[in-house]
Amino acid sequence: MTYSFLQQYWWFIVSLLGALLVFLMFVQGANSLVYSLGRTEEGQRKVLESTGRKWEITFTTLVTFGGAFFASFPLFYSTSFGGAYWLWMIILFSFVLQAVSYEFQHRRGNLLGTRTYRWFLILNGIIGPLLLGGAVATFFDGSNFIVEKASLTDLSAPVISRWANASAGLDALLDPWNLILGLAVMFLARILGILYIINNVDDEDIRSRGSVRLVGSTVPFLVLFLAFFIRTLLKEGYAVDASTGVVFMEPLKYLHNYLQLWPLSVLTVIGVVLLLYGIVRTVLSKSYVRGIWPAGIGVVLVVLSLLLCAGLGGTAYYPSNADLQSSLTIANSCSSEFTLRTMFYVSLLVPFVFAYIAYVWRVMDRK
């Protein structure tokens, strides 16, 4: 296992966790439609009781994703989470609102009332996917930060990276393409949420309403995602010279990555086919309720290939618009070889974690 292999291996692990996180945001997507799917109080309670069994898995995956990034690529963690802290704080705060809302909405004597907590869940269902999608878009569109490794010797301010302005990451929302991907992820979460509710809640009214809402979420998702994806393939990308480590702009860089790393193109095509199959068959067949599984697998494959394309193939996965040479690559932002090698053996336990999640999922769905 060479140092280069370990770097690429951990980029794959981080990308896989990110892809699983996008799939598990079906919880947020379903919650954002609680009043639309559940016409009555009973229907709304069915929706929330169904998603309430799975929200811990989504939150745990979010924390694991952040932890894996911190351990394997600490410079990204300190740059993004330390510099763009308002963007990440809003995301985390929306997830805190989610946890509190599940716990207290039906408590006797709660001060805010049930409807207020449900609106908190809707807020999390919109803000969480929107901002996470916008954050991922910065992997392709860049962020405003500066890395100064020499500043570590400055005892008065030993900060290796800093944000180039006072927005603390909120400037990412000023880029319309970041918002386009953010909105695409939000509608994708709704698609997955509807498919999950159709599969998990045995209620004909909710399932019929879900089929209609499924079409209403699929159309804007396809328009937004295809616009972002096609534009990304045709735009200049942030390439890295393998011998010198110099970052430069290369025309059609991400298209070249997909062509050179052809398995990523295959994963993308298979993922898109599975996603559309799950959606179309659910819409056309009233008896088919298992669309969440082909669609979910398809989403994982597409997001995984997208994140791998952002970091592999000699590409800066976290480009800087303030200073091009401050852009982060998997080589200049990773942990030491000893750390990556040690964590490699720990990562062999990941299949057992997945098995535990599957077991817990089945146990939760028995009642």
Protein backbone atom coordinates (compact mmCIF):
# COMPACT_ATOMS: atom_id res chain seq x y z
CA MET A 1 0.00 0.00 0.00
CA THR A 2 1.70 3.16 -1.24
CA TYR A 3 0.99 6.61 0.13
CA SER A 4 -0.77 7.50 -3.12
CA PHE A 5 -3.01 4.43 -2.86
CA LEU A 6 -3.97 5.31 0.72
CA GLN A 7 -4.86 8.86 -0.31
CA GLN A 8 -7.11 7.64 -3.10
CA TYR A 9 -8.58 4.92 -0.89
CA TRP A 10 -9.64 7.44 1.74
CA TRP A 11 -11.05 9.77 -0.87
CA PHE A 12 -13.19 6.83 -1.98
CA ILE A 13 -14.32 6.18 1.61
CA VAL A 14 -15.23 9.84 2.16
CA SER A 15 -17.05 9.94 -1.20
CA LEU A 16 -18.99 6.78 -0.31
CA LEU A 17 -20.08 8.25 3.02
CA GLY A 18 -21.15 11.42 1.24
CA ALA A 19 -23.18 9.39 -1.26
CA LEU A 20 -24.87 7.43 1.55
CA LEU A 21 -25.65 10.70 3.32
CA VAL A 22 -27.44 12.05 0.24
CA PHE A 23 -29.52 8.86 0.06
CA LEU A 24 -30.39 8.98 3.77
CA MET A 25 -31.69 12.52 3.41
CA PHE A 26 -34.98 10.94 2.37
CA VAL A 27 -35.86 11.72 5.99
CA GLN A 28 -35.53 15.45 5.32
CA GLY A 29 -37.34 15.11 2.00
CA ALA A 30 -40.34 13.35 3.52
CA ASN A 31 -40.54 15.81 6.41
CA SER A 32 -40.60 18.76 4.02
CA LEU A 33 -43.81 17.31 2.52
CA VAL A 34 -45.53 16.25 5.75
CA TYR A 35 -48.55 18.49 5.19
CA SER A 36 -48.68 17.60 1.51
CA LEU A 37 -48.53 13.84 2.00
CA GLY A 38 -50.66 13.71 5.12
CA ARG A 39 -54.01 15.36 4.51
CA THR A 40 -55.29 14.60 8.01
CA GLU A 41 -53.74 14.65 11.47
CA GLU A 42 -53.54 10.87 11.40
CA GLY A 43 -51.80 10.93 8.03
CA GLN A 44 -49.28 13.50 9.20
CA ARG A 45 -48.51 11.43 12.29
CA LYS A 46 -47.96 8.35 10.12
CA VAL A 47 -45.43 10.22 7.99
CA LEU A 48 -43.54 11.60 10.97
CA GLU A 49 -43.59 8.33 12.89
CA SER A 50 -42.13 6.62 9.82
CA THR A 51 -39.28 9.11 9.32
CA GLY A 52 -38.79 9.35 13.09
CA ARG A 53 -37.48 5.78 13.09
CA LYS A 54 -34.67 6.61 10.68
CA TRP A 55 -33.48 10.16 11.45
CA GLU A 56 -30.73 8.94 13.82
CA ILE A 57 -29.14 6.96 10.96
CA THR A 58 -29.00 10.09 8.79
CA PHE A 59 -27.54 12.21 11.59
CA THR A 60 -24.99 9.53 12.49
CA THR A 61 -23.89 9.31 8.85
CA LEU A 62 -23.48 13.10 8.74
CA VAL A 63 -21.25 12.99 11.83
CA THR A 64 -19.29 10.01 10.46
CA PHE A 65 -18.80 11.84 7.15
CA GLY A 66 -17.38 14.86 8.99
CA GLY A 67 -15.22 12.65 11.19
CA ALA A 68 -13.78 10.74 8.24
CA PHE A 69 -12.97 13.99 6.47
CA PHE A 70 -11.27 15.33 9.62
CA ALA A 71 -9.14 12.22 10.08
CA SER A 72 -8.11 11.69 6.45
CA PHE A 73 -8.05 15.24 5.04
CA PRO A 74 -7.55 17.56 8.05
CA LEU A 75 -6.60 20.57 5.95
CA PHE A 76 -10.00 20.51 4.25
CA TYR A 77 -11.69 20.17 7.61
CA SER A 78 -9.85 23.15 9.09
CA THR A 79 -10.34 25.23 5.95
CA SER A 80 -14.01 24.54 5.25
CA PHE A 81 -15.40 23.88 8.72
CA GLY A 82 -13.15 26.51 10.27
CA GLY A 83 -13.51 29.18 7.59
CA ALA A 84 -17.03 28.59 6.24
CA TYR A 85 -18.37 27.98 9.75
CA TRP A 86 -21.64 29.89 9.31
CA LEU A 87 -22.63 27.67 6.40
CA TRP A 88 -21.95 24.50 8.43
CA MET A 89 -23.41 25.93 11.64
CA ILE A 90 -26.73 26.61 9.92
CA ILE A 91 -26.76 23.05 8.57
CA LEU A 92 -26.02 21.57 12.00
CA PHE A 93 -28.55 23.86 13.69
CA SER A 94 -31.27 22.67 11.31
CA PHE A 95 -30.45 19.08 12.27
CA VAL A 96 -30.62 20.02 15.96
CA LEU A 97 -34.09 21.46 15.32
CA GLN A 98 -35.02 18.13 13.77
CA ALA A 99 -33.91 16.14 16.82
CA VAL A 100 -35.70 18.47 19.22
CA SER A 101 -38.88 18.42 17.14
CA TYR A 102 -39.13 14.63 17.10
CA GLU A 103 -38.64 14.54 20.85
CA PHE A 104 -40.97 17.31 21.99
CA GLN A 105 -43.78 17.76 19.44
CA HIS A 106 -46.10 15.39 21.33
CA ARG A 107 -44.90 16.14 24.85
CA ARG A 108 -47.63 17.39 27.15
CA GLY A 109 -47.31 21.04 28.03
CA ASN A 110 -44.69 21.91 25.40
CA LEU A 111 -44.53 25.67 25.05
CA LEU A 112 -44.38 25.94 21.26
CA GLY A 113 -47.12 23.50 20.25
CA THR A 114 -47.15 20.57 17.85
CA ARG A 115 -47.48 22.63 14.65
CA THR A 116 -44.43 24.73 15.49
CA TYR A 117 -42.26 21.66 15.88
CA ARG A 118 -43.60 20.26 12.62
CA TRP A 119 -42.62 23.46 10.86
CA PHE A 120 -39.15 23.01 12.36
CA LEU A 121 -39.04 19.61 10.64
CA ILE A 122 -40.13 21.20 7.36
CA LEU A 123 -37.41 23.84 7.81
CA ASN A 124 -34.80 21.14 8.28
CA GLY A 125 -36.18 19.30 5.25
CA ILE A 126 -35.57 22.38 3.08
CA ILE A 127 -32.45 24.00 4.55
CA GLY A 128 -30.47 20.81 5.24
CA PRO A 129 -30.43 19.39 1.68
CA LEU A 130 -30.26 22.86 0.09
CA LEU A 131 -27.13 23.96 1.97
CA LEU A 132 -25.45 20.54 1.79
CA GLY A 133 -25.94 20.56 -1.98
CA GLY A 134 -24.55 24.08 -2.16
CA ALA A 135 -21.52 23.01 -0.12
CA VAL A 136 -20.85 20.08 -2.48
CA ALA A 137 -21.14 22.42 -5.47
CA THR A 138 -18.12 24.37 -4.19
CA PHE A 139 -16.03 21.29 -5.03
CA PHE A 140 -16.55 22.26 -8.66
CA ASP A 141 -17.06 26.03 -8.46
CA GLY A 142 -14.50 26.95 -5.80
CA SER A 143 -14.55 28.87 -2.52
CA ASN A 144 -12.86 32.02 -1.24
CA PHE A 145 -10.08 30.89 1.08
CA ILE A 146 -6.31 31.22 1.38
CA VAL A 147 -3.91 28.58 2.72
CA GLU A 148 -0.66 29.82 4.25
CA LYS A 149 1.26 26.88 5.72
CA ALA A 150 4.12 29.15 6.76
CA SER A 151 1.81 30.85 9.26
CA LEU A 152 2.09 27.77 11.50
CA THR A 153 5.41 29.21 12.74
CA ASP A 154 3.70 32.46 13.76
CA LEU A 155 3.10 32.02 17.48
CA SER A 156 0.71 34.98 17.63
CA ALA A 157 -1.66 33.54 14.97
CA PRO A 158 -0.78 29.94 14.00
CA VAL A 159 -3.70 29.56 11.58
CA ILE A 160 -2.90 27.64 8.43
CA SER A 161 -5.96 28.74 6.42
CA ARG A 162 -8.42 31.61 6.50
CA TRP A 163 -11.45 32.83 4.62
CA ALA A 164 -10.70 35.65 2.22
CA ASN A 165 -13.74 37.68 3.26
CA ALA A 166 -15.99 38.16 6.28
CA SER A 167 -18.89 36.05 4.99
CA ALA A 168 -17.71 32.86 6.79
CA GLY A 169 -18.89 30.71 3.91
CA LEU A 170 -22.23 32.35 3.19
CA ASP A 171 -20.75 33.80 -0.01
CA ALA A 172 -21.21 30.33 -1.51
CA LEU A 173 -24.94 31.09 -1.67
CA LEU A 174 -24.24 34.05 -3.96
CA ASP A 175 -23.12 31.72 -6.74
CA PRO A 176 -26.25 30.75 -8.70
CA TRP A 177 -24.73 27.40 -9.74
CA ASN A 178 -24.24 26.45 -6.11
CA LEU A 179 -27.89 27.23 -5.50
CA ILE A 180 -28.90 25.20 -8.56
CA LEU A 181 -27.20 22.07 -7.22
CA GLY A 182 -28.56 22.83 -3.74
CA LEU A 183 -32.11 22.99 -5.09
CA ALA A 184 -31.50 19.81 -7.10
CA VAL A 185 -30.43 17.98 -3.92
CA MET A 186 -33.49 19.34 -2.10
CA PHE A 187 -35.86 17.98 -4.79
CA LEU A 188 -33.89 14.72 -4.86
CA ALA A 189 -34.40 14.37 -1.09
CA ARG A 190 -38.12 14.88 -1.69
CA ILE A 191 -38.15 12.18 -4.38
CA LEU A 192 -36.46 9.72 -2.05
CA GLY A 193 -38.70 10.77 0.84
CA ILE A 194 -41.85 10.13 -1.17
CA LEU A 195 -40.56 6.75 -2.35
CA TYR A 196 -39.69 5.81 1.23
CA ILE A 197 -43.11 6.80 2.59
CA ILE A 198 -44.85 4.88 -0.20
CA ASN A 199 -42.82 1.83 0.78
CA ASN A 200 -43.06 2.22 4.56
CA VAL A 201 -46.57 3.57 5.22
CA ASP A 202 -49.47 1.31 4.33
CA ASP A 203 -52.03 4.01 3.59
CA GLU A 204 -53.73 4.27 0.19
CA ASP A 205 -54.46 7.99 0.50
CA ILE A 206 -50.85 8.82 1.36
CA ARG A 207 -49.55 6.59 -1.44
CA SER A 208 -51.83 8.11 -4.07
CA ARG A 209 -50.91 11.64 -3.00
CA GLY A 210 -47.25 10.62 -2.98
CA SER A 211 -47.39 9.46 -6.61
CA VAL A 212 -48.65 12.87 -7.69
CA ARG A 213 -46.03 14.72 -5.61
CA LEU A 214 -43.38 12.41 -7.05
CA VAL A 215 -43.92 13.79 -10.54
CA GLY A 216 -43.92 17.35 -9.19
CA SER A 217 -40.50 16.81 -7.59
CA THR A 218 -38.91 14.78 -10.38
CA VAL A 219 -39.36 17.38 -13.13
CA PRO A 220 -37.56 20.27 -11.36
CA PHE A 221 -34.87 17.88 -10.11
CA LEU A 222 -34.06 16.67 -13.61
CA VAL A 223 -33.97 20.21 -15.00
CA LEU A 224 -31.73 21.54 -12.22
CA PHE A 225 -29.38 18.58 -11.99
CA LEU A 226 -28.91 18.20 -15.75
CA ALA A 227 -28.21 21.94 -16.05
CA PHE A 228 -25.52 21.73 -13.34
CA PHE A 229 -24.04 18.46 -14.63
CA ILE A 230 -23.81 19.53 -18.28
CA ARG A 231 -22.37 22.90 -17.33
CA THR A 232 -19.77 21.16 -15.12
CA LEU A 233 -18.69 18.88 -17.97
CA LEU A 234 -18.25 21.85 -20.33
CA LYS A 235 -16.60 24.30 -17.94
CA GLU A 236 -12.94 24.76 -17.09
CA GLY A 237 -11.73 22.56 -14.26
CA TYR A 238 -9.03 22.81 -11.62
CA ALA A 239 -6.23 20.53 -12.79
CA VAL A 240 -3.03 19.71 -10.90
CA ASP A 241 0.41 19.17 -12.41
CA ALA A 242 1.52 15.78 -11.05
CA SER A 243 5.23 16.68 -10.98
CA THR A 244 5.09 20.19 -9.51
CA GLY A 245 1.73 20.29 -7.70
CA VAL A 246 0.84 23.55 -9.48
CA VAL A 247 -2.90 24.10 -9.96
CA PHE A 248 -4.05 25.42 -13.32
CA MET A 249 -7.29 25.79 -15.27
CA GLU A 250 -7.94 23.09 -17.87
CA PRO A 251 -10.79 23.29 -20.40
CA LEU A 252 -13.31 20.44 -20.12
CA LYS A 253 -11.40 19.00 -17.16
CA TYR A 254 -14.33 17.13 -15.61
CA LEU A 255 -15.39 15.73 -18.99
CA HIS A 256 -11.84 14.47 -19.42
CA ASN A 257 -12.03 12.85 -15.98
CA TYR A 258 -15.18 10.96 -16.91
CA LEU A 259 -13.63 9.81 -20.18
CA GLN A 260 -10.30 8.76 -18.66
CA LEU A 261 -11.82 7.22 -15.53
CA TRP A 262 -14.45 5.38 -17.58
CA PRO A 263 -15.82 3.29 -14.65
CA LEU A 264 -17.19 6.56 -13.23
CA SER A 265 -19.15 7.09 -16.44
CA VAL A 266 -20.52 3.55 -16.18
CA LEU A 267 -21.55 4.12 -12.54
CA THR A 268 -23.28 7.36 -13.52
CA VAL A 269 -25.27 5.75 -16.33
CA ILE A 270 -26.30 2.78 -14.17
CA GLY A 271 -27.25 5.12 -11.32
CA VAL A 272 -29.40 7.33 -13.53
CA VAL A 273 -31.18 4.29 -15.01
CA LEU A 274 -31.91 2.86 -11.55
CA LEU A 275 -33.19 6.20 -10.26
CA LEU A 276 -35.51 6.71 -13.21
CA TYR A 277 -36.67 3.09 -13.03
CA GLY A 278 -37.67 3.48 -9.38
CA ILE A 279 -39.54 6.71 -10.11
CA VAL A 280 -41.30 5.69 -13.33
CA ARG A 281 -42.42 2.28 -12.11
CA THR A 282 -43.78 3.79 -8.89
CA VAL A 283 -45.78 6.36 -10.85
CA LEU A 284 -47.15 3.87 -13.37
CA SER A 285 -47.95 1.00 -11.00
CA LYS A 286 -50.12 1.48 -7.92
CA SER A 287 -49.06 -1.89 -6.54
CA TYR A 288 -45.32 -1.23 -6.79
CA VAL A 289 -44.01 0.19 -3.51
CA ARG A 290 -40.32 -0.75 -3.57
CA GLY A 291 -39.07 2.14 -5.69
CA ILE A 292 -36.93 3.49 -2.84
CA TRP A 293 -34.42 0.65 -3.30
CA PRO A 294 -33.46 0.95 -7.00
CA ALA A 295 -33.71 4.74 -6.74
CA GLY A 296 -31.62 4.81 -3.57
CA ILE A 297 -28.90 2.60 -5.06
CA GLY A 298 -28.92 4.78 -8.17
CA VAL A 299 -28.47 7.96 -6.12
CA VAL A 300 -25.52 6.43 -4.23
CA LEU A 301 -23.83 5.46 -7.50
CA VAL A 302 -24.32 8.87 -9.15
CA VAL A 303 -23.18 10.90 -6.13
CA LEU A 304 -20.22 8.56 -5.57
CA SER A 305 -19.05 8.98 -9.17
CA LEU A 306 -19.53 12.75 -8.98
CA LEU A 307 -17.41 13.09 -5.82
CA LEU A 308 -14.73 10.75 -7.17
CA CYS A 309 -14.58 12.83 -10.34
CA ALA A 310 -13.99 15.93 -8.21
CA GLY A 311 -10.89 14.52 -6.50
CA LEU A 312 -9.29 11.90 -8.76
CA GLY A 313 -7.57 12.30 -12.11
CA GLY A 314 -5.21 15.05 -10.97
CA THR A 315 -7.98 17.40 -9.87
CA ALA A 316 -8.17 19.92 -7.02
CA TYR A 317 -11.27 18.80 -5.12
CA TYR A 318 -11.59 22.03 -3.11
CA PRO A 319 -10.48 24.87 -5.38
CA SER A 320 -9.78 28.37 -4.15
CA ASN A 321 -11.09 31.34 -6.08
CA ALA A 322 -9.07 33.76 -3.94
CA ASP A 323 -5.70 32.07 -4.59
CA LEU A 324 -5.53 29.29 -7.14
CA GLN A 325 -2.43 27.73 -5.59
CA SER A 326 -4.22 27.44 -2.23
CA SER A 327 -6.58 24.89 -3.79
CA LEU A 328 -6.73 21.58 -1.95
CA THR A 329 -5.92 18.25 -3.55
CA ILE A 330 -5.99 14.77 -2.04
CA ALA A 331 -2.18 14.90 -1.97
CA ASN A 332 -1.61 18.27 -0.26
CA SER A 333 -4.45 18.10 2.28
CA CYS A 334 -4.30 14.53 3.59
CA SER A 335 -2.99 13.09 6.84
CA SER A 336 0.39 11.41 7.20
CA GLU A 337 1.05 8.00 5.70
CA PHE A 338 1.13 6.45 9.18
CA THR A 339 -2.30 7.88 10.02
CA LEU A 340 -3.87 6.81 6.74
CA ARG A 341 -2.34 3.34 7.02
CA THR A 342 -3.59 2.90 10.59
CA MET A 343 -7.06 4.07 9.67
CA PHE A 344 -7.06 1.70 6.70
CA TYR A 345 -7.13 -1.27 9.06
CA VAL A 346 -9.84 0.39 11.15
CA SER A 347 -11.90 0.95 7.99
CA LEU A 348 -12.09 -2.82 7.50
CA LEU A 349 -14.82 -2.68 10.14
CA VAL A 350 -17.03 -0.57 7.86
CA PRO A 351 -18.92 -3.61 6.44
CA PHE A 352 -19.86 -4.57 9.98
CA VAL A 353 -21.22 -1.04 10.50
CA PHE A 354 -23.33 -1.37 7.35
CA ALA A 355 -24.59 -4.74 8.55
CA TYR A 356 -25.55 -3.19 11.88
CA ILE A 357 -27.43 -0.37 10.13
CA ALA A 358 -29.32 -2.92 8.00
CA TYR A 359 -30.17 -4.93 11.12
CA VAL A 360 -31.41 -1.88 13.01
CA TRP A 361 -33.43 -0.82 9.95
CA ARG A 362 -35.22 -4.18 9.86
CA VAL A 363 -35.87 -4.16 13.61
CA MET A 364 -37.37 -0.67 13.43
CA ASP A 365 -39.70 -1.66 10.60
CA ARG A 366 -41.10 -4.72 12.40
CA LYS A 367 -43.50 -2.57 14.42
